[in-house]
C-alpha cells in the first residue's frame, strides 16, 4: 500500500495540475501518495510504520 499524502484535493487532480503531461502508471484513488513504496516493500521487506494521519 502506498503512503497517503496530506492534501485536500484527490491525488489524481493534484497530479494533473502539478505535473501536466506526465504519465501516471496506475490508478490514483482518493488521497494515495504520488510516490509508490511497493518496490521497497517487495525488495527490502520494508513496510511503513507511520502515516501522516498519525501526526
N, C-alpha and C. Protein backbone atom coordinates (compact mmCIF):
# COMPACT_ATOMS: atom_id res chain seq x y z
N UNK A 1 0.85 -1.18 0.00
CA UNK A 1 0.00 0.00 0.00
C UNK A 1 0.89 1.24 0.00
N UNK A 2 0.45 2.23 -0.67
CA UNK A 2 1.21 3.47 -0.73
C UNK A 2 0.92 4.34 0.49
N UNK A 3 1.90 5.15 0.86
CA UNK A 3 1.68 6.14 1.91
C UNK A 3 0.74 7.20 1.35
N UNK A 4 -0.05 7.76 2.21
CA UNK A 4 -1.00 8.78 1.76
C UNK A 4 -0.39 10.16 1.88
N UNK A 5 -0.89 11.09 1.09
CA UNK A 5 -0.36 12.46 1.11
C UNK A 5 -1.36 13.38 1.81
N UNK A 6 -0.90 14.37 2.55
CA UNK A 6 -1.78 15.24 3.32
C UNK A 6 -2.25 16.47 2.56
N UNK A 7 -3.01 16.31 1.51
CA UNK A 7 -3.55 17.45 0.77
C UNK A 7 -5.05 17.26 0.63
N UNK A 8 -5.77 18.35 0.49
CA UNK A 8 -7.21 18.28 0.41
C UNK A 8 -7.75 17.73 -0.89
N UNK A 9 -7.07 17.99 -2.00
CA UNK A 9 -7.57 17.54 -3.30
C UNK A 9 -7.21 16.07 -3.54
N UNK A 10 -8.02 15.37 -4.31
CA UNK A 10 -7.66 13.99 -4.66
C UNK A 10 -6.33 13.92 -5.40
N UNK A 11 -5.62 12.84 -5.23
CA UNK A 11 -4.29 12.68 -5.83
C UNK A 11 -4.30 12.83 -7.34
N UNK A 12 -5.31 12.27 -8.01
CA UNK A 12 -5.37 12.36 -9.47
C UNK A 12 -5.46 13.81 -9.92
N UNK A 13 -6.23 14.62 -9.20
CA UNK A 13 -6.35 16.04 -9.54
C UNK A 13 -5.02 16.76 -9.32
N UNK A 14 -4.37 16.47 -8.20
CA UNK A 14 -3.07 17.08 -7.91
C UNK A 14 -2.05 16.73 -8.98
N UNK A 15 -2.01 15.46 -9.38
CA UNK A 15 -1.05 15.02 -10.40
C UNK A 15 -1.28 15.74 -11.72
N UNK A 16 -2.54 15.87 -12.12
CA UNK A 16 -2.85 16.55 -13.38
C UNK A 16 -2.45 18.02 -13.33
N UNK A 17 -2.71 18.68 -12.21
CA UNK A 17 -2.40 20.10 -12.07
C UNK A 17 -0.90 20.36 -11.94
N UNK A 18 -0.22 19.58 -11.11
CA UNK A 18 1.19 19.83 -10.81
C UNK A 18 2.13 19.26 -11.87
N UNK A 19 1.72 18.19 -12.52
CA UNK A 19 2.59 17.50 -13.48
C UNK A 19 1.85 17.22 -14.78
N UNK A 20 1.40 18.25 -15.49
CA UNK A 20 0.67 18.04 -16.73
C UNK A 20 1.54 17.31 -17.76
N UNK A 21 0.94 16.35 -18.43
CA UNK A 21 1.66 15.63 -19.47
C UNK A 21 2.51 14.47 -18.98
N UNK A 22 2.61 14.28 -17.66
CA UNK A 22 3.42 13.19 -17.12
C UNK A 22 2.57 11.93 -17.06
N UNK A 23 3.15 10.81 -17.47
CA UNK A 23 2.45 9.53 -17.46
C UNK A 23 2.15 9.10 -16.02
N UNK A 24 0.92 8.68 -15.79
CA UNK A 24 0.53 8.12 -14.49
C UNK A 24 0.46 6.62 -14.68
N UNK A 25 1.24 5.89 -13.90
CA UNK A 25 1.30 4.43 -14.01
C UNK A 25 0.43 3.80 -12.94
N UNK A 26 -0.82 3.62 -13.24
CA UNK A 26 -1.73 3.01 -12.27
C UNK A 26 -2.80 3.99 -11.84
N UNK A 27 -3.68 3.52 -11.01
CA UNK A 27 -4.80 4.33 -10.51
C UNK A 27 -4.36 5.16 -9.32
N UNK A 28 -4.86 6.36 -9.25
CA UNK A 28 -4.64 7.23 -8.09
C UNK A 28 -6.00 7.43 -7.43
N UNK A 29 -6.35 6.51 -6.56
CA UNK A 29 -7.64 6.58 -5.88
C UNK A 29 -7.55 7.45 -4.63
N UNK A 30 -8.54 8.29 -4.47
CA UNK A 30 -8.61 9.10 -3.26
C UNK A 30 -7.38 9.95 -3.03
N UNK A 31 -6.74 9.75 -1.89
CA UNK A 31 -5.59 10.56 -1.49
C UNK A 31 -4.31 9.73 -1.41
N UNK A 32 -4.16 8.81 -2.37
CA UNK A 32 -2.95 8.00 -2.41
C UNK A 32 -1.73 8.86 -2.69
N UNK A 33 -0.59 8.38 -2.24
CA UNK A 33 0.67 9.06 -2.50
C UNK A 33 0.99 9.03 -3.98
N UNK A 34 1.67 10.06 -4.46
CA UNK A 34 2.13 10.08 -5.85
C UNK A 34 3.42 9.28 -6.00
N UNK A 35 4.01 8.84 -4.90
CA UNK A 35 5.23 8.05 -4.89
C UNK A 35 4.92 6.69 -4.29
N UNK A 36 5.25 5.64 -5.00
CA UNK A 36 4.97 4.28 -4.55
C UNK A 36 6.08 3.75 -3.65
N UNK A 37 5.68 2.99 -2.63
CA UNK A 37 6.65 2.30 -1.78
C UNK A 37 6.65 0.80 -2.06
N UNK A 38 5.96 0.41 -3.13
CA UNK A 38 5.82 -1.02 -3.44
C UNK A 38 7.17 -1.71 -3.64
N UNK A 39 8.12 -1.08 -4.31
CA UNK A 39 9.41 -1.72 -4.55
C UNK A 39 10.17 -1.93 -3.24
N UNK A 40 10.13 -0.95 -2.35
CA UNK A 40 10.79 -1.10 -1.05
C UNK A 40 10.14 -2.23 -0.25
N UNK A 41 8.83 -2.35 -0.36
CA UNK A 41 8.14 -3.45 0.32
C UNK A 41 8.56 -4.80 -0.28
N UNK A 42 8.58 -4.87 -1.60
CA UNK A 42 8.87 -6.12 -2.30
C UNK A 42 10.33 -6.54 -2.16
N UNK A 43 11.26 -5.61 -2.41
CA UNK A 43 12.67 -5.95 -2.44
C UNK A 43 13.29 -6.02 -1.05
N UNK A 44 12.94 -5.07 -0.21
CA UNK A 44 13.57 -4.97 1.11
C UNK A 44 12.73 -5.53 2.25
N UNK A 45 11.46 -5.83 1.95
CA UNK A 45 10.58 -6.29 3.01
C UNK A 45 10.16 -5.17 3.95
N UNK A 46 10.35 -3.93 3.51
CA UNK A 46 10.05 -2.76 4.32
C UNK A 46 8.57 -2.42 4.26
N UNK A 47 8.02 -2.03 5.37
CA UNK A 47 6.65 -1.52 5.39
C UNK A 47 6.63 -0.25 6.23
N UNK A 48 5.82 0.72 5.84
CA UNK A 48 5.74 1.96 6.62
C UNK A 48 5.21 1.68 8.01
N UNK A 49 5.78 2.36 8.99
CA UNK A 49 5.30 2.21 10.37
C UNK A 49 4.47 3.40 10.81
N UNK A 50 4.48 4.46 9.99
CA UNK A 50 3.72 5.67 10.34
C UNK A 50 2.95 6.15 9.13
N UNK A 51 1.93 6.92 9.40
CA UNK A 51 1.14 7.57 8.38
C UNK A 51 1.03 9.04 8.77
N UNK A 52 0.88 9.90 7.78
CA UNK A 52 0.68 11.31 8.09
C UNK A 52 -0.58 11.49 8.91
N UNK A 53 -1.49 10.56 8.81
CA UNK A 53 -2.74 10.65 9.60
C UNK A 53 -2.48 10.46 11.09
N UNK A 54 -1.34 9.86 11.43
CA UNK A 54 -0.99 9.65 12.84
C UNK A 54 -0.37 10.88 13.48
N UNK A 55 0.00 11.86 12.67
CA UNK A 55 0.68 13.05 13.20
C UNK A 55 -0.27 13.95 13.95
